Protein backbone atom coordinates (compact mmCIF):
# COMPACT_ATOMS: atom_id res chain seq x y z
CA MET A 1 74.85 102.38 123.66
CA ASN A 2 72.31 105.17 123.04
CA ILE A 3 69.35 104.55 120.74
CA GLU A 4 70.57 107.23 118.15
CA PHE A 5 73.95 105.64 117.77
CA GLN A 6 72.47 102.20 117.60
CA GLN A 7 70.31 103.45 114.75
CA VAL A 8 73.31 104.74 112.85
CA VAL A 9 75.11 101.40 113.17
CA GLU A 10 72.06 99.49 111.93
CA ASP A 11 71.41 101.83 109.11
CA TYR A 12 74.90 102.57 107.90
CA ALA A 13 77.41 99.97 109.05
CA PRO A 14 76.57 97.39 106.40
CA GLY A 15 77.24 99.76 103.49
CA MET A 16 80.35 101.11 105.26
CA TYR A 17 81.66 97.52 105.63
CA ARG A 18 81.00 96.75 101.93
CA LEU A 19 82.82 100.00 100.89
CA ALA A 20 85.84 99.17 103.34
CA TYR A 21 85.99 95.54 102.03
CA SER A 22 86.11 96.86 98.40
CA TYR A 23 89.17 98.76 99.30
CA CYS A 24 90.91 96.27 101.62
CA SER A 25 89.90 92.85 100.18
CA ASN A 26 90.14 91.61 103.73
CA ARG A 27 87.33 91.11 106.08
CA SER A 28 89.19 91.87 109.33
CA ASP A 29 90.73 95.19 108.03
CA ALA A 30 87.16 96.19 106.72
CA GLU A 31 85.75 95.47 110.21
CA ASP A 32 88.49 97.40 111.80
CA VAL A 33 87.91 100.53 109.53
CA VAL A 34 84.20 100.52 110.25
CA GLN A 35 84.81 100.20 113.95
CA GLU A 36 87.22 103.00 113.87
CA VAL A 37 84.95 105.34 111.85
CA LEU A 38 81.97 104.52 114.20
CA ILE A 39 84.11 105.21 117.25
CA LYS A 40 85.10 108.51 115.63
CA TYR A 41 81.46 109.36 115.08
CA LEU A 42 80.52 108.41 118.64
CA GLN A 43 83.30 110.59 120.08
CA GLN A 44 82.41 113.61 117.99
CA PRO A 45 79.38 113.41 115.78
CA PRO A 46 79.48 115.57 112.64
CA ARG A 47 76.94 118.30 112.10
CA CYS A 48 74.81 116.79 109.31
CA ASP A 49 71.57 118.13 108.27
CA GLY A 50 69.81 115.02 107.28
CA PRO A 51 70.49 111.31 106.66
CA GLU A 52 71.91 111.79 103.25
CA ARG A 53 74.60 114.21 104.65
CA LEU A 54 75.34 111.79 107.49
CA ARG A 55 75.62 108.81 105.09
CA ALA A 56 77.98 110.94 102.84
CA TRP A 57 80.14 111.75 105.89
CA LEU A 58 80.29 108.24 106.98
CA MET A 59 81.19 106.85 103.57
CA THR A 60 83.85 109.55 103.12
CA ALA A 61 85.33 108.77 106.52
CA THR A 62 85.35 105.17 105.73
CA ALA A 63 87.02 105.74 102.27
CA ASN A 64 89.63 107.96 103.84
CA LYS A 65 90.40 105.53 106.68
CA CYS A 66 90.89 102.77 104.06
CA LYS A 67 93.14 104.91 102.03
CA ASP A 68 95.21 105.56 105.25
CA LEU A 69 95.24 101.80 105.94
CA LEU A 70 96.39 101.01 102.42
CA ARG A 71 99.16 103.63 102.56
CA SER A 72 100.40 102.41 106.00
CA ARG A 73 101.45 99.00 104.41
CA ARG A 74 100.29 97.44 107.63
CA ARG A 75 98.69 94.66 105.49
CA ARG A 76 98.82 91.13 106.95
CA ASN A 77 98.85 87.82 105.02
CA THR A 78 95.33 86.92 104.19
CA GLN A 79 93.67 84.01 102.54
CA PRO A 80 93.06 83.94 98.88
CA LEU A 81 89.96 85.85 97.87
CA ALA A 82 88.37 82.85 96.14
CA GLU A 83 88.71 80.80 99.23
CA ALA A 84 86.98 83.67 101.29
CA CYS A 85 84.12 83.81 98.72
CA ALA A 86 83.77 80.06 98.74
CA GLN A 87 83.26 80.14 102.44
CA THR A 88 80.38 82.66 102.21
CA GLY A 89 78.43 80.31 99.88
CA MET A 90 78.35 82.53 96.69
CA ASN A 91 77.16 80.96 93.64
CA ASP A 92 79.48 80.63 90.58
CA ASP A 93 78.28 83.90 88.83
CA ALA A 94 78.43 85.96 92.07
CA LEU A 95 81.84 84.56 92.73
CA ALA A 96 83.11 85.26 89.27
CA LEU A 97 81.68 88.83 89.49
CA HIS A 98 83.24 89.38 92.94
CA THR A 99 86.57 88.12 91.92
CA ALA A 100 86.55 90.31 88.86
CA LEU A 101 85.60 93.33 90.98
CA MET A 102 88.41 92.67 93.31
CA GLN A 103 90.83 92.68 90.45
CA LEU A 104 90.00 96.32 89.73
CA PRO A 105 92.16 99.22 91.13
CA PRO A 106 90.83 100.35 94.55
CA GLY A 107 89.54 103.67 92.98
CA GLN A 108 87.62 101.86 90.57
CA ARG A 109 86.22 99.25 92.95
CA SER A 110 85.04 101.96 95.44
CA THR A 111 83.39 104.02 92.65
CA VAL A 112 81.63 100.98 91.16
CA TYR A 113 80.47 99.94 94.84
CA LEU A 114 79.20 103.46 95.80
CA PHE A 115 77.30 103.79 92.38
CA TYR A 116 75.71 100.42 92.04
CA TYR A 117 75.47 99.04 95.58
CA GLU A 118 74.82 102.48 97.51
CA ASP A 119 72.89 104.10 94.69
CA MET A 120 74.83 107.15 95.01
CA PRO A 121 74.70 109.82 92.20
CA THR A 122 78.06 110.74 90.55
CA ARG A 123 78.04 114.19 92.33
CA GLN A 124 77.88 112.58 95.69
CA ILE A 125 80.48 110.01 94.78
CA ALA A 126 82.84 112.77 93.65
CA GLN A 127 82.19 114.66 97.03
CA THR A 128 82.66 111.49 98.88
CA LEU A 129 85.89 110.34 97.30
CA HIS A 130 87.33 113.98 96.81
CA ILE A 131 87.47 113.74 93.07
CA SER A 132 85.79 115.44 90.14
CA GLU A 133 82.39 114.19 88.62
CA THR A 134 84.30 113.71 85.41
CA ALA A 135 86.76 111.34 87.21
CA VAL A 136 83.84 109.41 88.66
CA ARG A 137 82.41 108.83 85.21
CA SER A 138 85.69 107.91 83.88
CA ARG A 139 86.35 105.44 86.66
CA LEU A 140 83.04 103.92 85.98
CA PHE A 141 83.59 103.73 82.32
CA GLN A 142 86.98 102.11 82.84
CA ALA A 143 85.65 99.68 85.41
CA ARG A 144 82.81 98.58 83.22
CA LYS A 145 85.33 98.06 80.26
CA ALA A 146 87.67 96.14 82.51
CA LEU A 147 84.78 93.94 84.06
CA LYS A 148 83.50 93.03 80.58
CA THR A 149 87.04 91.92 79.71
CA LEU A 150 87.60 90.07 82.81
CA LEU A 151 84.16 88.27 82.63
CA GLY A 152 84.91 87.14 79.16
CA GLY A 153 83.00 89.73 77.08
CA ASP A 154 84.11 91.79 74.18
CA ALA A 155 85.47 95.07 75.68
CA ASN A 156 84.87 96.84 72.39
CA GLY A 157 81.20 96.03 71.99
């Protein structure tokens, strides 16, 4: 493996995996998606001027590959989410948040992930997910409202 590719894997694969997991809710599918995107990158690297463009390309490719996977209905039986989280040693609050996040529709989950965990601005999220900035803000609003309800807060306050 060349040094440049190894650096790409070290820098971007963890974020790609978390995005893929937010779509797939399944560790093995998320790993497969990341692996396929990295193979695509290795076979034909995109022409990106700078690390932010490369990151955007990798996240877009990951999101698209996840959408393809979800459309293909090639989903396998998996263990329940709570079981999987318990095995990772999450505390109760983190488990509750994770469980609530996984109940959101995939579009909202991916938007929340990119905004809060990858610190992407709404413009970049819009470009990555091929939606308008207004749609990004709407998804974030709806996701926050749903999470507040799911976590036991007052959705109106």
